């Protein structure tokens, strides 16, 4: 949830801080942070979660899941 909140606020630094403080493994965390900061610099004012799911939703092991989020930046 904290990662999604950082994305919603277009705050790349907050996203990276969350990843490091919580020892979250996130593929492309640096790239995601750059996108958030660049979008804000280019005039974006908000982001919303279009869809969120986990590998458990697709029949994976619920004890070890990977999360996936689609974010719409406007």
Protein backbone atom coordinates (compact mmCIF):
# COMPACT_ATOMS: atom_id res chain seq x y z
CA UNK A 1 0.00 0.00 0.00
CA UNK A 2 2.80 2.44 0.81
CA UNK A 3 4.30 2.01 -2.66
CA UNK A 4 0.95 2.68 -4.29
CA UNK A 5 0.52 5.79 -2.13
CA UNK A 6 3.91 7.08 -3.27
CA UNK A 7 2.90 6.50 -6.88
CA UNK A 8 -0.41 8.29 -6.38
CA UNK A 9 1.44 11.37 -5.12
CA UNK A 10 3.98 11.28 -7.99
CA UNK A 11 6.80 11.20 -5.46
CA UNK A 12 9.81 9.24 -6.72
CA UNK A 13 11.90 9.87 -3.60
CA UNK A 14 9.06 8.60 -1.40
CA UNK A 15 8.81 5.46 -3.52
CA UNK A 16 12.55 4.75 -3.23
CA UNK A 17 12.55 5.49 0.51
CA UNK A 18 9.66 3.05 0.98
CA UNK A 19 11.45 0.33 -1.01
CA UNK A 20 14.62 0.69 1.07
CA UNK A 21 13.02 1.20 4.50
CA UNK A 22 10.71 -1.81 4.10
CA UNK A 23 13.21 -4.02 2.25
CA UNK A 24 10.77 -4.40 -0.64
CA UNK A 25 11.99 -6.13 -3.78
CA UNK A 26 10.66 -4.10 -6.70
CA UNK A 27 11.81 -4.58 -10.27
CA UNK A 28 12.47 -1.21 -11.87
CA UNK A 29 12.19 0.89 -8.71
CA UNK A 30 14.64 3.47 -10.04
CA UNK A 31 12.87 3.65 -13.38
CA UNK A 32 9.49 4.01 -11.67
CA UNK A 33 10.84 6.82 -9.48
CA UNK A 34 12.19 8.60 -12.57
CA UNK A 35 8.85 8.29 -14.34
CA UNK A 36 7.00 9.75 -11.35
CA UNK A 37 9.38 12.69 -11.01
CA UNK A 38 9.49 13.35 -14.77
CA UNK A 39 5.70 13.22 -15.04
CA UNK A 40 5.36 15.74 -12.22
CA UNK A 41 8.01 18.00 -13.80
CA UNK A 42 6.13 17.85 -17.11
CA UNK A 43 2.88 18.96 -15.49
CA UNK A 44 1.17 15.78 -14.30
CA UNK A 45 -0.92 16.41 -11.22
CA UNK A 46 -2.25 13.01 -10.23
CA UNK A 47 -1.99 9.28 -10.62
CA UNK A 48 -4.47 6.54 -9.90
CA UNK A 49 -4.27 2.79 -9.64
CA UNK A 50 -6.09 1.36 -12.64
CA UNK A 51 -5.68 -2.20 -11.43
CA UNK A 52 -3.78 -4.08 -8.76
CA UNK A 53 -3.38 -7.81 -8.34
CA UNK A 54 -1.00 -10.44 -7.09
CA UNK A 55 0.32 -13.71 -8.41
CA UNK A 56 -1.98 -15.43 -5.88
CA UNK A 57 -4.95 -13.98 -7.80
CA UNK A 58 -3.81 -16.07 -10.77
CA UNK A 59 -3.48 -19.28 -8.78
CA UNK A 60 0.00 -18.75 -7.37
CA UNK A 61 1.16 -19.63 -3.87
CA UNK A 62 -0.55 -17.17 -1.50
CA UNK A 63 2.39 -17.49 0.90
CA UNK A 64 4.81 -16.01 -1.62
CA UNK A 65 3.31 -13.47 -3.97
CA UNK A 66 4.34 -10.83 -6.44
CA UNK A 67 2.22 -7.70 -6.78
CA UNK A 68 1.40 -5.98 -10.05
CA UNK A 69 -0.05 -2.50 -10.49
CA UNK A 70 -1.23 -0.51 -13.46
CA UNK A 71 -0.87 3.23 -12.79
CA UNK A 72 -2.52 5.96 -14.87
CA UNK A 73 -0.72 9.32 -14.66
CA UNK A 74 -2.58 12.48 -15.68
